């Protein structure tokens, strides 16, 4: 989930830097919010893998 957040943040950064006009679902703000959701899920432990449940 952390990797997904990083990718979404990078795409949002490049779209914002280029000033590209895109659809409402793919604008930098919505990608930033999706990245924050993925980052918060990562911090909650979602997507950490099966090995963390064995402990």
PDB file of N, CA and C in Angstrom:
ATOM      1  N   UNK A   1       0.824  -1.186   0.000  1.00  0.00           N
ATOM      2  CA  UNK A   1       0.000   0.000   0.000  1.00  0.00           C
ATOM      3  C   UNK A   1       0.872   1.255   0.000  1.00  0.00           C
ATOM      4  N   UNK A   2       2.002   1.174   0.662  1.00  0.00           N
ATOM      5  CA  UNK A   2       2.896   2.326   0.676  1.00  0.00           C
ATOM      6  C   UNK A   2       3.437   2.630  -0.712  1.00  0.00           C
ATOM      7  N   UNK A   3       3.720   1.589  -1.481  1.00  0.00           N
ATOM      8  CA  UNK A   3       4.201   1.776  -2.849  1.00  0.00           C
ATOM      9  C   UNK A   3       3.121   2.391  -3.733  1.00  0.00           C
ATOM     10  N   UNK A   4       1.885   1.947  -3.546  1.00  0.00           N
ATOM     11  CA  UNK A   4       0.774   2.522  -4.314  1.00  0.00           C
ATOM     12  C   UNK A   4       0.627   3.999  -3.993  1.00  0.00           C
ATOM     13  N   UNK A   5       0.754   4.351  -2.714  1.00  0.00           N
ATOM     14  CA  UNK A   5       0.665   5.759  -2.317  1.00  0.00           C
ATOM     15  C   UNK A   5       1.771   6.574  -2.968  1.00  0.00           C
ATOM     16  N   UNK A   6       2.987   6.038  -2.987  1.00  0.00           N
ATOM     17  CA  UNK A   6       4.104   6.765  -3.587  1.00  0.00           C
ATOM     18  C   UNK A   6       3.885   6.985  -5.084  1.00  0.00           C
ATOM     19  N   UNK A   7       3.367   5.975  -5.769  1.00  0.00           N
ATOM     20  CA  UNK A   7       3.106   6.108  -7.207  1.00  0.00           C
ATOM     21  C   UNK A   7       2.022   7.149  -7.464  1.00  0.00           C
ATOM     22  N   UNK A   8       0.946   7.111  -6.674  1.00  0.00           N
ATOM     23  CA  UNK A   8      -0.119   8.105  -6.845  1.00  0.00           C
ATOM     24  C   UNK A   8       0.371   9.514  -6.582  1.00  0.00           C
ATOM     25  N   UNK A   9       1.209   9.677  -5.543  1.00  0.00           N
ATOM     26  CA  UNK A   9       1.769  10.996  -5.264  1.00  0.00           C
ATOM     27  C   UNK A   9       2.671  11.472  -6.404  1.00  0.00           C
ATOM     28  N   UNK A  10       3.454  10.571  -6.974  1.00  0.00           N
ATOM     29  CA  UNK A  10       4.337  10.943  -8.077  1.00  0.00           C
ATOM     30  C   UNK A  10       3.541  11.362  -9.308  1.00  0.00           C
ATOM     31  N   UNK A  11       2.491  10.623  -9.634  1.00  0.00           N
ATOM     32  CA  UNK A  11       1.659  10.984 -10.788  1.00  0.00           C
ATOM     33  C   UNK A  11       0.991  12.324 -10.559  1.00  0.00           C
ATOM     34  N   UNK A  12       0.472  12.544  -9.345  1.00  0.00           N
ATOM     35  CA  UNK A  12      -0.164  13.822  -9.031  1.00  0.00           C
ATOM     36  C   UNK A  12       0.832  14.966  -9.132  1.00  0.00           C
ATOM     37  N   UNK A  13       2.056  14.733  -8.675  1.00  0.00           N
ATOM     38  CA  UNK A  13       3.091  15.767  -8.740  1.00  0.00           C
ATOM     39  C   UNK A  13       3.412  16.132 -10.192  1.00  0.00           C
ATOM     40  N   UNK A  14       3.565  15.130 -11.046  1.00  0.00           N
ATOM     41  CA  UNK A  14       3.885  15.411 -12.444  1.00  0.00           C
ATOM     42  C   UNK A  14       2.731  16.083 -13.175  1.00  0.00           C
ATOM     43  N   UNK A  15       1.503  15.663 -12.889  1.00  0.00           N
ATOM     44  CA  UNK A  15       0.351  16.321 -13.513  1.00  0.00           C
ATOM     45  C   UNK A  15       0.238  17.774 -13.062  1.00  0.00           C
ATOM     46  N   UNK A  16       0.494  18.018 -11.793  1.00  0.00           N
ATOM     47  CA  UNK A  16       0.428  19.395 -11.281  1.00  0.00           C
ATOM     48  C   UNK A  16       1.564  20.241 -11.861  1.00  0.00           C
ATOM     49  N   UNK A  17       2.734  19.661 -11.956  1.00  0.00           N
ATOM     50  CA  UNK A  17       3.878  20.395 -12.491  1.00  0.00           C
ATOM     51  C   UNK A  17       3.734  20.754 -13.955  1.00  0.00           C
ATOM     52  N   UNK A  18       3.102  19.883 -14.733  1.00  0.00           N
ATOM     53  CA  UNK A  18       2.900  20.147 -16.154  1.00  0.00           C
ATOM     54  C   UNK A  18       1.720  21.058 -16.422  1.00  0.00           C
ATOM     55  N   UNK A  19       0.837  21.203 -15.442  1.00  0.00           N
ATOM     56  CA  UNK A  19      -0.363  22.000 -15.639  1.00  0.00           C
ATOM     57  C   UNK A  19      -1.322  21.343 -16.612  1.00  0.00           C
ATOM     58  N   UNK A  20      -1.285  20.024 -16.667  1.00  0.00           N
ATOM     59  CA  UNK A  20      -2.110  19.272 -17.599  1.00  0.00           C
ATOM     60  C   UNK A  20      -3.573  19.336 -17.176  1.00  0.00           C
ATOM     61  N   UNK A  21      -4.440  19.636 -18.120  1.00  0.00           N
ATOM     62  CA  UNK A  21      -5.874  19.637 -17.852  1.00  0.00           C
ATOM     63  C   UNK A  21      -6.403  18.236 -18.099  1.00  0.00           C
ATOM     64  N   UNK A  22      -6.919  17.611 -17.040  1.00  0.00           N
ATOM     65  CA  UNK A  22      -7.400  16.239 -17.144  1.00  0.00           C
ATOM     66  C   UNK A  22      -8.833  16.156 -16.639  1.00  0.00           C
ATOM     67  N   UNK A  23      -9.354  14.953 -16.656  1.00  0.00           N
ATOM     68  CA  UNK A  23     -10.690  14.666 -16.169  1.00  0.00           C
ATOM     69  C   UNK A  23     -10.746  14.894 -14.655  1.00  0.00           C
ATOM     70  N   UNK A  24     -11.938  15.053 -14.105  1.00  0.00           N
ATOM     71  CA  UNK A  24     -12.102  15.285 -12.672  1.00  0.00           C
ATOM     72  C   UNK A  24     -11.561  14.114 -11.859  1.00  0.00           C
ATOM     73  N   UNK A  25     -11.690  12.895 -12.353  1.00  0.00           N
ATOM     74  CA  UNK A  25     -11.252  11.724 -11.606  1.00  0.00           C
ATOM     75  C   UNK A  25      -9.736  11.558 -11.609  1.00  0.00           C
ATOM     76  N   UNK A  26      -9.041  12.239 -12.511  1.00  0.00           N
ATOM     77  CA  UNK A  26      -7.596  12.046 -12.627  1.00  0.00           C
ATOM     78  C   UNK A  26      -6.832  13.340 -12.363  1.00  0.00           C
ATOM     79  N   UNK A  27      -7.452  14.336 -11.751  1.00  0.00           N
ATOM     80  CA  UNK A  27      -6.722  15.576 -11.483  1.00  0.00           C
ATOM     81  C   UNK A  27      -5.784  15.373 -10.285  1.00  0.00           C
ATOM     82  N   UNK A  28      -4.793  16.246 -10.122  1.00  0.00           N
ATOM     83  CA  UNK A  28      -3.803  16.065  -9.061  1.00  0.00           C
ATOM     84  C   UNK A  28      -4.401  15.992  -7.654  1.00  0.00           C
ATOM     85  N   UNK A  29      -5.461  16.736  -7.394  1.00  0.00           N
ATOM     86  CA  UNK A  29      -6.044  16.713  -6.049  1.00  0.00           C
ATOM     87  C   UNK A  29      -6.670  15.352  -5.737  1.00  0.00           C
ATOM     88  N   UNK A  30      -7.401  14.782  -6.694  1.00  0.00           N
ATOM     89  CA  UNK A  30      -7.999  13.475  -6.431  1.00  0.00           C
ATOM     90  C   UNK A  30      -6.935  12.391  -6.299  1.00  0.00           C
ATOM     91  N   UNK A  31      -5.857  12.481  -7.074  1.00  0.00           N
ATOM     92  CA  UNK A  31      -4.767  11.504  -6.939  1.00  0.00           C
ATOM     93  C   UNK A  31      -4.064  11.663  -5.595  1.00  0.00           C
ATOM     94  N   UNK A  32      -3.919  12.915  -5.126  1.00  0.00           N
ATOM     95  CA  UNK A  32      -3.312  13.141  -3.828  1.00  0.00           C
ATOM     96  C   UNK A  32      -4.173  12.532  -2.721  1.00  0.00           C
ATOM     97  N   UNK A  33      -5.500  12.700  -2.833  1.00  0.00           N
ATOM     98  CA  UNK A  33      -6.389  12.127  -1.830  1.00  0.00           C
ATOM     99  C   UNK A  33      -6.366  10.601  -1.864  1.00  0.00           C
ATOM    100  N   UNK A  34      -6.310  10.012  -3.048  1.00  0.00           N
ATOM    101  CA  UNK A  34      -6.187   8.557  -3.145  1.00  0.00           C
ATOM    102  C   UNK A  34      -4.864   8.077  -2.546  1.00  0.00           C
ATOM    103  N   UNK A  35      -3.808   8.849  -2.762  1.00  0.00           N
ATOM    104  CA  UNK A  35      -2.517   8.514  -2.161  1.00  0.00           C
ATOM    105  C   UNK A  35      -2.562   8.571  -0.651  1.00  0.00           C
ATOM    106  N   UNK A  36      -3.273   9.563  -0.116  1.00  0.00           N
ATOM    107  CA  UNK A  36      -3.409   9.654   1.339  1.00  0.00           C
ATOM    108  C   UNK A  36      -4.216   8.493   1.905  1.00  0.00           C
ATOM    109  N   UNK A  37      -5.236   8.064   1.172  1.00  0.00           N
ATOM    110  CA  UNK A  37      -6.010   6.901   1.612  1.00  0.00           C
ATOM    111  C   UNK A  37      -5.128   5.652   1.612  1.00  0.00           C
ATOM    112  N   UNK A  38      -4.356   5.459   0.548  1.00  0.00           N
ATOM    113  CA  UNK A  38      -3.466   4.297   0.484  1.00  0.00           C
ATOM    114  C   UNK A  38      -2.409   4.350   1.582  1.00  0.00           C
ATOM    115  N   UNK A  39      -1.894   5.542   1.864  1.00  0.00           N
ATOM    116  CA  UNK A  39      -0.890   5.689   2.913  1.00  0.00           C
ATOM    117  C   UNK A  39      -1.487   5.411   4.290  1.00  0.00           C
ATOM    118  N   UNK A  40      -2.697   5.881   4.534  1.00  0.00           N
ATOM    119  CA  UNK A  40      -3.320   5.616   5.833  1.00  0.00           C
ATOM    120  C   UNK A  40      -3.635   4.129   5.994  1.00  0.00           C
ATOM    121  N   UNK A  41      -4.063   3.463   4.910  1.00  0.00           N
ATOM    122  CA  UNK A  41      -4.290   2.018   4.988  1.00  0.00           C
ATOM    123  C   UNK A  41      -2.980   1.275   5.249  1.00  0.00           C
ATOM    124  N   UNK A  42      -1.903   1.757   4.661  1.00  0.00           N
ATOM    125  CA  UNK A  42      -0.600   1.146   4.889  1.00  0.00           C
ATOM    126  C   UNK A  42      -0.197   1.285   6.361  1.00  0.00           C
ATOM    127  N   UNK A  43      -0.434   2.454   6.926  1.00  0.00           N
ATOM    128  CA  UNK A  43      -0.084   2.668   8.324  1.00  0.00           C
ATOM    129  C   UNK A  43      -0.975   1.848   9.262  1.00  0.00           C
ATOM    130  N   UNK A  44      -2.176   1.527   8.833  1.00  0.00           N
ATOM    131  CA  UNK A  44      -3.050   0.669   9.628  1.00  0.00           C
ATOM    132  C   UNK A  44      -2.657  -0.805   9.542  1.00  0.00           C
ATOM    133  N   UNK A  45      -1.828  -1.152   8.580  1.00  0.00           N
ATOM    134  CA  UNK A  45      -1.366  -2.527   8.457  1.00  0.00           C
ATOM    135  C   UNK A  45      -2.033  -3.300   7.339  1.00  0.00           C
ATOM    136  N   UNK A  46      -2.853  -2.659   6.538  1.00  0.00           N
ATOM    137  CA  UNK A  46      -3.507  -3.330   5.421  1.00  0.00           C
ATOM    138  C   UNK A  46      -2.480  -3.564   4.328  1.00  0.00           C
ATOM    139  N   UNK A  47      -2.417  -4.769   3.800  1.00  0.00           N
ATOM    140  CA  UNK A  47      -1.498  -5.077   2.713  1.00  0.00           C
ATOM    141  C   UNK A  47      -0.082  -5.345   3.158  1.00  0.00           C
ATOM    142  N   UNK A  48       0.110  -5.679   4.433  1.00  0.00           N
ATOM    143  CA  UNK A  48       1.467  -5.934   4.895  1.00  0.00           C
ATOM    144  C   UNK A  48       1.942  -7.332   4.560  1.00  0.00           C
ATOM    145  N   UNK A  49       1.034  -8.228   4.211  1.00  0.00           N
ATOM    146  CA  UNK A  49       1.426  -9.567   3.793  1.00  0.00           C
ATOM    147  C   UNK A  49       1.061 -10.622   4.827  1.00  0.00           C
ATOM    148  N   UNK A  50       1.177 -11.858   4.417  1.00  0.00           N
ATOM    149  CA  UNK A  50       0.796 -12.972   5.274  1.00  0.00           C
ATOM    150  C   UNK A  50       1.776 -13.208   6.410  1.00  0.00           C
ATOM    151  N   UNK A  51       3.027 -12.803   6.220  1.00  0.00           N
ATOM    152  CA  UNK A  51       4.054 -13.090   7.218  1.00  0.00           C
ATOM    153  C   UNK A  51       3.827 -12.323   8.521  1.00  0.00           C
ATOM    154  N   UNK A  52       3.131 -11.190   8.469  1.00  0.00           N
ATOM    155  CA  UNK A  52       2.925 -10.423   9.696  1.00  0.00           C
ATOM    156  C   UNK A  52       1.861 -11.069  10.594  1.00  0.00           C
ATOM    157  N   UNK A  53       1.006 -11.928  10.038  1.00  0.00           N
ATOM    158  CA  UNK A  53      -0.039 -12.578  10.820  1.00  0.00           C
ATOM    159  C   UNK A  53       0.493 -13.830  11.539  1.00  0.00           C
ATOM    160  N   UNK A  54       1.653 -14.313  11.158  1.00  0.00           N
ATOM    161  CA  UNK A  54       2.188 -15.533  11.749  1.00  0.00           C
ATOM    162  C   UNK A  54       2.811 -15.283  13.110  1.00  0.00           C
ATOM    163  N   UNK A  55       3.100 -14.062  13.450  1.00  0.00           N
ATOM    164  CA  UNK A  55       3.790 -13.758  14.702  1.00  0.00           C
ATOM    165  C   UNK A  55       2.897 -13.828  15.887  1.00  0.00           C
TER     166      UNK A  55
END
